[in-house]
Protein backbone atom coordinates (compact mmCIF):
# COMPACT_ATOMS: atom_id res chain seq x y z
CA MET A 1 99.16 -65.82 -65.33
CA PHE A 2 98.28 -67.55 -62.06
CA LYS A 3 101.22 -65.83 -60.33
CA ALA A 4 100.08 -62.45 -61.63
CA ARG A 5 96.59 -63.04 -60.20
CA ILE A 6 98.09 -63.90 -56.80
CA GLU A 7 100.24 -60.76 -56.85
CA LYS A 8 97.22 -58.67 -57.84
CA SER A 9 95.19 -60.26 -55.05
CA ASN A 10 97.98 -59.65 -52.55
CA LEU A 11 98.22 -56.03 -53.68
CA LYS A 12 94.49 -55.54 -53.09
CA SER A 13 94.81 -57.10 -49.63
CA LEU A 14 97.77 -54.89 -48.82
CA LEU A 15 95.89 -51.77 -49.91
CA LEU A 16 92.90 -52.83 -47.82
CA ILE A 17 95.14 -53.27 -44.77
CA ILE A 18 96.73 -49.85 -45.30
CA ILE A 19 93.33 -48.17 -45.65
CA THR A 20 92.08 -49.93 -42.51
CA LEU A 21 95.15 -48.91 -40.53
CA LYS A 22 94.78 -45.30 -41.65
CA ALA A 23 91.15 -45.31 -40.63
CA CYS A 24 92.02 -46.73 -37.21
CA GLU A 25 94.82 -44.21 -36.89
CA GLY A 26 92.29 -41.41 -37.34
CA VAL A 27 90.14 -42.77 -34.54
CA TYR A 28 92.97 -42.36 -32.05
CA LEU A 29 94.10 -38.90 -33.14
CA GLN A 30 92.61 -36.98 -30.21
CA MET A 31 92.55 -33.21 -29.98
CA LYS A 32 95.59 -31.99 -28.04
CA GLU A 33 95.58 -29.24 -25.42
CA ASN A 34 98.46 -27.48 -27.14
CA GLU A 35 96.29 -26.91 -30.23
CA ILE A 36 93.91 -24.63 -28.32
CA ARG A 37 96.11 -23.58 -25.38
CA PRO A 38 99.72 -23.30 -26.59
CA LYS A 39 102.04 -23.97 -23.66
CA GLU A 40 104.06 -20.75 -23.97
CA LEU A 41 100.98 -18.52 -24.12
CA LEU A 42 99.28 -20.46 -21.33
CA THR A 43 102.32 -20.07 -19.07
CA GLN A 44 102.44 -16.31 -19.72
CA TYR A 45 98.74 -16.03 -18.98
CA LEU A 46 98.89 -18.04 -15.73
CA ASN A 47 101.88 -16.01 -14.53
CA LEU A 48 99.90 -12.82 -15.10
CA VAL A 49 96.90 -14.31 -13.29
CA GLU A 50 99.05 -15.05 -10.25
CA LEU A 51 100.48 -11.51 -10.23
CA ASP A 52 97.01 -9.98 -10.62
CA SER A 53 95.61 -12.12 -7.82
CA LYS A 54 98.14 -10.75 -5.33
CA LYS A 55 96.76 -7.23 -5.84
CA LEU A 56 93.38 -8.12 -4.37
CA ASP A 57 92.60 -7.16 -0.77
CA LYS A 58 91.54 -10.37 0.96
CA ALA A 59 89.99 -8.33 3.77
CA GLN A 60 87.22 -7.57 1.28
CA PHE A 61 86.48 -11.23 0.51
CA LEU A 62 83.14 -12.84 1.31
CA THR A 63 82.35 -16.33 2.58
CA ILE A 64 79.54 -18.12 0.71
CA ASP A 65 77.55 -21.35 0.88
CA CYS A 66 77.95 -24.06 -1.75
CA PRO A 67 77.05 -22.69 -5.22
CA GLY A 68 75.63 -26.08 -6.16
CA CYS A 69 73.35 -27.26 -3.38
CA GLY A 70 73.46 -24.27 -1.02
CA SER A 71 74.92 -26.26 1.87
CA SER A 72 76.95 -24.51 4.56
CA LYS A 73 78.84 -27.75 5.29
CA TYR A 74 82.25 -27.73 3.64
CA ARG A 75 85.90 -28.31 4.49
CA THR A 76 89.14 -26.81 3.26
CA HIS A 77 90.47 -28.92 0.40
CA ILE A 78 93.26 -27.15 -1.49
CA GLN A 79 95.22 -23.89 -1.56
CA LYS A 80 96.19 -22.17 -4.82
CA ASN A 81 98.04 -18.85 -5.04
CA ASP A 82 96.97 -18.05 -1.44
CA PHE A 83 93.31 -18.71 -2.26
CA THR A 84 91.34 -21.41 -0.46
CA TYR A 85 89.12 -23.92 -2.24
CA VAL A 86 86.65 -25.87 -0.13
CA LEU A 87 84.80 -29.11 -0.83
CA CYS A 88 81.07 -29.30 -0.15
CA GLN A 89 80.32 -32.19 2.20
CA ASP A 90 76.82 -32.64 0.77
CA CYS A 91 77.13 -32.51 -3.04
CA GLY A 92 80.91 -32.73 -3.51
CA SER A 93 81.37 -29.42 -5.36
CA LEU A 94 84.70 -27.55 -5.17
CA PHE A 95 84.60 -23.76 -4.87
CA CYS A 96 86.79 -20.81 -3.89
CA ASN A 97 85.82 -19.64 -0.41
CA PRO A 98 86.11 -16.89 0.70
CA ARG A 99 86.06 -15.01 -2.61
CA PRO A 100 86.16 -11.39 -3.84
CA PHE A 101 82.91 -9.40 -3.67
CA GLU A 102 81.00 -9.21 -6.96
CA SER A 103 81.93 -5.55 -7.52
CA ILE A 104 85.62 -6.35 -6.95
CA LEU A 105 85.45 -9.22 -9.44
CA ASP A 106 83.76 -7.00 -12.03
CA ARG A 107 86.50 -4.41 -11.68
CA PHE A 108 89.16 -7.12 -11.75
CA TYR A 109 87.93 -8.53 -15.06
CA LYS A 110 87.90 -5.05 -16.60
CA THR A 111 91.34 -3.93 -15.42
CA ALA A 112 93.50 -7.02 -14.77
CA GLU A 113 96.54 -7.46 -16.97
CA SER A 114 95.70 -11.16 -17.36
CA SER A 115 92.27 -10.26 -18.78
CA ARG A 116 93.84 -7.86 -21.25
CA PHE A 117 96.40 -10.48 -22.28
CA TRP A 118 93.65 -13.05 -22.83
CA SER A 119 91.50 -10.81 -25.03
CA GLU A 120 94.29 -9.03 -26.95
CA VAL A 121 97.01 -11.68 -27.26
CA PHE A 122 95.99 -15.20 -26.24
CA PHE A 123 92.57 -15.55 -27.84
CA PRO A 124 93.41 -13.86 -31.19
CA ALA A 125 96.41 -16.21 -31.50
CA VAL A 126 94.24 -19.32 -31.18
CA ALA A 127 90.94 -18.05 -32.60
CA GLU A 128 91.03 -19.97 -35.87
CA SER A 129 92.39 -23.12 -34.25
CA ARG A 130 89.56 -22.96 -31.74
CA ARG A 131 87.07 -22.38 -34.53
CA GLU A 132 88.20 -25.61 -36.20
CA LYS A 133 88.88 -27.76 -33.13
CA LEU A 134 86.22 -26.49 -30.71
CA PHE A 135 83.51 -24.22 -32.07
CA ARG A 136 82.65 -26.01 -35.31
CA PRO A 137 82.40 -29.52 -33.78
CA LYS A 138 80.48 -28.05 -30.84
CA ALA A 139 77.98 -26.32 -33.13
CA LYS A 140 77.48 -29.58 -35.03
CA ARG A 141 76.93 -31.57 -31.86
CA ILE A 142 74.39 -29.04 -30.54
CA PHE A 143 72.53 -29.18 -33.85
CA GLU A 144 72.44 -32.99 -33.73
CA TYR A 145 71.21 -32.98 -30.12
CA PHE A 146 68.26 -30.72 -30.87
CA LYS A 147 67.52 -32.55 -34.11
CA LYS A 148 66.93 -35.68 -32.00
CA GLU A 149 64.71 -33.61 -29.71
CA ASN A 150 62.73 -32.33 -32.74
CA PHE A 151 63.46 -28.82 -31.50
CA GLU A 152 64.10 -26.00 -33.99
CA PRO A 153 65.02 -22.71 -32.27
CA ALA A 154 63.93 -19.59 -34.10
CA GLU A 155 66.22 -17.34 -32.05
CA ILE A 156 69.51 -18.34 -30.40
CA CYS A 157 71.52 -16.23 -27.96
CA ASP A 158 75.13 -16.80 -26.93
CA VAL A 159 75.95 -15.32 -23.51
CA GLY A 160 79.60 -14.32 -23.41
CA SER A 161 79.72 -14.33 -27.20
CA GLY A 162 83.18 -12.76 -27.53
CA TYR A 163 84.08 -11.96 -31.14
CA GLY A 164 81.07 -13.89 -32.45
CA ILE A 165 83.11 -16.81 -33.81
CA PHE A 166 80.94 -19.49 -32.21
CA LEU A 167 77.76 -17.80 -33.43
CA GLU A 168 79.20 -17.82 -36.95
CA GLU A 169 79.62 -21.59 -36.66
CA LEU A 170 76.11 -22.03 -35.24
CA ARG A 171 74.70 -20.27 -38.31
CA ARG A 172 76.26 -22.98 -40.49
CA TYR A 173 73.91 -25.55 -38.95
CA PHE A 174 70.93 -23.59 -37.67
CA VAL A 175 70.35 -21.98 -41.06
CA SER A 176 66.78 -20.90 -40.26
CA SER A 177 67.65 -19.41 -36.87
CA ASP A 178 68.49 -15.80 -36.00
CA VAL A 179 71.52 -15.50 -33.72
CA PHE A 180 72.26 -12.90 -31.04
CA GLY A 181 75.06 -12.24 -28.59
CA ILE A 182 75.49 -10.83 -25.10
CA GLU A 183 79.07 -9.70 -24.47
CA PRO A 184 80.42 -7.50 -21.64
CA SER A 185 83.57 -6.39 -23.51
CA PRO A 186 82.82 -3.25 -25.61
CA THR A 187 85.59 -4.12 -28.07
CA MET A 188 84.42 -7.69 -28.62
CA ALA A 189 80.76 -6.65 -28.80
CA GLU A 190 81.61 -4.09 -31.49
CA ILE A 191 83.51 -6.65 -33.58
CA SER A 192 80.62 -9.11 -33.24
CA THR A 193 78.13 -6.43 -34.31
CA LYS A 194 80.22 -5.65 -37.40
CA LYS A 195 79.80 -9.30 -38.40
CA GLY A 196 76.05 -8.74 -38.61
CA ILE A 197 75.28 -10.26 -35.21
CA GLU A 198 73.01 -8.18 -32.99
CA THR A 199 75.04 -7.98 -29.79
CA LEU A 200 74.06 -6.53 -26.43
CA ASN A 201 77.04 -5.01 -24.60
CA ALA A 202 76.23 -6.28 -21.10
CA VAL A 203 76.54 -9.18 -18.70
CA ALA A 204 73.75 -11.75 -18.51
CA GLU A 205 72.61 -10.40 -15.15
CA ASP A 206 71.98 -6.96 -16.73
CA SER A 207 70.21 -8.11 -19.90
CA SER A 208 66.58 -7.90 -18.74
CA GLU A 209 65.59 -6.05 -21.93
CA TRP A 210 65.89 -9.40 -23.73
CA SER A 211 63.93 -11.29 -21.07
CA GLY A 212 61.93 -14.29 -22.34
CA ARG A 213 63.07 -13.74 -25.92
CA PHE A 214 65.06 -16.81 -26.94
CA ASP A 215 64.26 -20.40 -27.82
CA LEU A 216 67.84 -21.43 -27.05
CA VAL A 217 70.40 -19.68 -24.83
CA ILE A 218 74.00 -20.91 -24.82
CA SER A 219 76.85 -19.92 -22.52
CA SER A 220 80.32 -21.40 -22.83
CA GLU A 221 82.93 -21.45 -20.07
CA VAL A 222 81.42 -18.57 -18.09
CA ILE A 223 79.85 -20.29 -15.08
CA GLU A 224 83.20 -21.08 -13.44
CA HIS A 225 84.02 -17.34 -13.40
CA VAL A 226 80.93 -15.85 -11.78
CA PHE A 227 80.56 -14.70 -8.18
CA SER A 228 77.03 -16.05 -7.79
CA VAL A 229 76.19 -19.23 -9.69
CA SER A 230 72.49 -19.06 -8.76
CA LYS A 231 72.21 -15.45 -9.92
CA PHE A 232 73.91 -16.29 -13.22
CA ILE A 233 71.73 -19.34 -13.91
CA SER A 234 68.64 -17.29 -13.01
CA SER A 235 69.66 -14.66 -15.57
CA ILE A 236 69.94 -17.40 -18.21
CA PHE A 237 66.55 -18.77 -17.14
CA ASN A 238 65.02 -15.31 -17.61
CA LEU A 239 66.35 -15.06 -21.17
CA VAL A 240 64.75 -18.36 -22.23
CA LYS A 241 61.19 -18.57 -23.56
CA PRO A 242 58.74 -20.96 -21.88
CA ASN A 243 59.52 -24.50 -23.16
CA GLY A 244 62.84 -23.23 -24.49
CA TYR A 245 66.29 -24.62 -23.72
CA CYS A 246 69.61 -23.48 -22.41
CA LEU A 247 73.00 -25.11 -22.82
CA LEU A 248 75.77 -24.15 -20.45
CA THR A 249 79.27 -25.58 -20.77
CA GLY A 250 82.08 -25.24 -18.28
CA LEU A 251 84.36 -27.01 -15.85
CA GLY A 252 83.32 -29.60 -13.30
CA TYR A 253 85.26 -30.95 -10.34
CA GLU A 254 84.63 -34.65 -10.95
CA GLY A 255 86.70 -34.86 -14.14
CA PHE A 256 89.77 -37.07 -14.42
CA ASP A 257 92.29 -34.26 -14.96
CA ILE A 258 91.13 -32.07 -12.06
CA LEU A 259 90.58 -35.00 -9.69
CA THR A 260 94.07 -36.27 -10.50
CA LEU A 261 96.02 -33.01 -10.53
CA GLN A 262 94.10 -31.10 -7.83
CA GLU A 263 95.99 -27.83 -7.06
CA ARG A 264 98.48 -28.66 -9.84
CA SER A 265 95.69 -28.31 -12.40
CA ASN A 266 96.03 -25.31 -14.70
CA SER A 267 92.23 -25.15 -14.75
CA ILE A 268 92.26 -24.01 -11.12
CA PHE A 269 93.51 -20.44 -11.21
CA PRO A 270 91.90 -17.90 -8.87
CA PRO A 271 90.23 -15.50 -9.03
CA HIS A 272 89.28 -16.28 -12.65
CA HIS A 273 88.02 -19.81 -11.98
CA LEU A 274 86.01 -19.98 -8.78
CA ASN A 275 83.38 -22.70 -9.25
CA PHE A 276 83.96 -26.40 -9.99
CA MET A 277 80.68 -28.09 -9.22
CA SER A 278 79.95 -31.80 -9.09
CA ILE A 279 77.42 -33.49 -11.38
CA GLN A 280 74.91 -33.40 -8.52
CA GLY A 281 75.77 -29.77 -7.80
CA PHE A 282 75.03 -28.75 -11.40
CA GLU A 283 71.74 -30.66 -11.43
CA LEU A 284 70.57 -29.06 -8.18
CA ALA A 285 71.65 -25.55 -9.17
CA PHE A 286 69.64 -25.67 -12.41
CA LYS A 287 66.56 -27.26 -10.88
CA ASN A 288 66.57 -24.78 -7.99
CA VAL A 289 66.10 -21.81 -10.33
CA GLY A 290 63.15 -23.43 -12.11
CA PHE A 291 64.40 -25.54 -15.02
CA SER A 292 62.19 -28.62 -15.34
CA LYS A 293 64.46 -30.97 -17.30
CA VAL A 294 68.20 -31.08 -16.67
CA GLU A 295 70.69 -33.36 -18.46
CA VAL A 296 74.41 -33.30 -17.65
CA LEU A 297 76.99 -34.69 -20.10
CA THR A 298 80.80 -34.70 -20.03
CA PRO A 299 81.95 -34.85 -23.67
CA GLY A 300 85.50 -33.65 -22.93
CA GLU A 301 88.42 -34.66 -25.15
CA LEU A 302 91.44 -33.44 -23.23
CA ASP A 303 91.53 -34.98 -19.73
CA VAL A 304 94.01 -37.73 -20.56
CA ASP A 305 96.21 -35.50 -22.73
CA ILE A 306 96.33 -32.83 -20.00
CA VAL A 307 97.32 -35.30 -17.29
CA LEU A 308 99.89 -37.20 -19.35
CA ASN A 309 101.59 -33.94 -20.34
CA SER A 310 101.36 -32.26 -16.93
CA GLY A 311 104.61 -33.61 -15.54
CA TYR A 312 102.71 -35.30 -12.72
CA LYS A 313 103.64 -38.96 -12.31
CA ASN A 314 102.24 -42.04 -10.66
CA GLU A 315 102.22 -45.73 -11.54
CA PHE A 316 98.81 -45.70 -13.20
CA LEU A 317 99.82 -42.85 -15.52
CA ARG A 318 103.11 -44.57 -16.35
CA VAL A 319 101.30 -47.74 -17.40
CA LEU A 320 98.58 -45.84 -19.29
CA LYS A 321 101.20 -43.95 -21.27
CA GLU A 322 103.05 -47.18 -22.07
CA ARG A 323 99.84 -48.71 -23.45
CA GLY A 324 99.91 -46.16 -26.26
CA ALA A 325 97.51 -43.90 -28.16
CA LYS A 326 94.73 -46.47 -28.52
CA ALA A 327 94.54 -47.08 -24.77
CA SER A 328 94.56 -43.34 -24.05
CA SER A 329 91.82 -42.72 -26.61
CA GLU A 330 89.62 -45.50 -25.30
CA PHE A 331 90.18 -44.38 -21.71
CA GLN A 332 89.06 -40.86 -22.68
CA SER A 333 85.95 -42.39 -24.24
CA PHE A 334 85.32 -44.21 -20.95
CA LEU A 335 85.60 -40.90 -19.07
CA LYS A 336 83.07 -39.28 -21.40
CA LYS A 337 80.61 -42.15 -21.15
CA TYR A 338 80.59 -42.26 -17.34
CA LYS A 339 80.58 -38.49 -16.72
CA LEU A 340 84.19 -38.42 -15.58
CA SER A 341 85.54 -35.66 -17.83
CA SER A 342 85.98 -32.17 -16.39
CA HIS A 343 84.35 -30.57 -19.46
CA ILE A 344 80.65 -30.30 -18.62
CA TRP A 345 77.58 -29.70 -20.80
CA ILE A 346 74.25 -28.95 -19.11
CA PHE A 347 71.11 -29.05 -21.25
CA ALA A 348 68.12 -27.62 -19.38
CA ARG A 349 64.52 -26.97 -20.44
CA LYS A 350 62.35 -24.22 -19.02
C-alpha cells in the first residue's frame, strides 16, 4: 500500500515535469523565416530582382538627402547589385543613394518581373502561413496596444492592403470598427473589394479624397520601398483624423540581422528596398511632418534565425548556436527589448 502511494506520487511528479518541459519547449519555439519566406521562393524572387535592377538606366538616378533627418552629410557604406547605399553621418540611417526617379520606380513596380512573381506566385504560396504567423498575432498586438491607450478607432485604413488578409484579421479584434484599404494593384484591390472591404485603388500619395477620415491608419512594410519617405509619411498624416493614430511597420538599419550581415542581408535588395532608417531617423521623420507623439518599438522575431541560417560565420555566432534554442530565444528577446531588431513599429499620434 505504501509502495503504491510512492509510485503514484512519483507518477504525478513525472507528469508535472513533462508538462513543465513541454511548456518551456513552447516558449523557445520561435517563428522561423522559412515559414513566411520559403528559401526556394525567396531565392527565385531575389534572382529576378537582380535581373530587373540591371534594366534601369542609372543616368536617370537622383541624389537625395537623408530620408530620416534631412542631412546632406553621408558616406558610402555598402554596394549591392551595383547600387550604392550610404550611411547618414548625423542620424545613422542607411539609404540607397542615388536612386531611381519616382516615376521610374512607379513604372518599375508595375512592370518588373520580380513584382509580378511576388504578387502572383510568392505571396499566394505563403498567404495562409502569413495569416497565421504574422497577420493574426500582429492584429492582436495592435488591439492590445490601443486597449491600453483606451483608444477605440471607429474607422481603420490599411495602406498597401494587398488582398485584404490583414484587414480580415483586424476585424476579428476591432469588432466595432469599419475597415478600409488603399491598394495600388488593381487585381489585389478588386479581390479585397469582393471580400466586402471598401478599397481605394491608389497609392497613399494619391488618396486625398479620404483625407482626414480615419481614426487609425496602418501601413505594413511599405516605407522601405518609397522614393520619398517624407512625402509618404505626410500622405499618412493627411489620412488621419485629428487626435488619431498611425502605425507604420517596416525595416530599420539598427537591427541585429542587418547590422551583422550588411550587404549579405536578403533584406537589402535594390531597387525594391531603398530606406533603412535608424531609430532616431524614424522619430525625426515622423515628428517633422507634424505627428505629436512618436513611439518606436522593435518587436521582431526573426533576427537571430536569419543570421544563424545565413551561412555567415564568426565566433560569436558559433558560440550562440552552440548554446541552443533557449539562448537564441532569450537573445532575440533582448534584441526586442533594447530596440535592436530590424523589424520596426512606429506608433504616432496626430
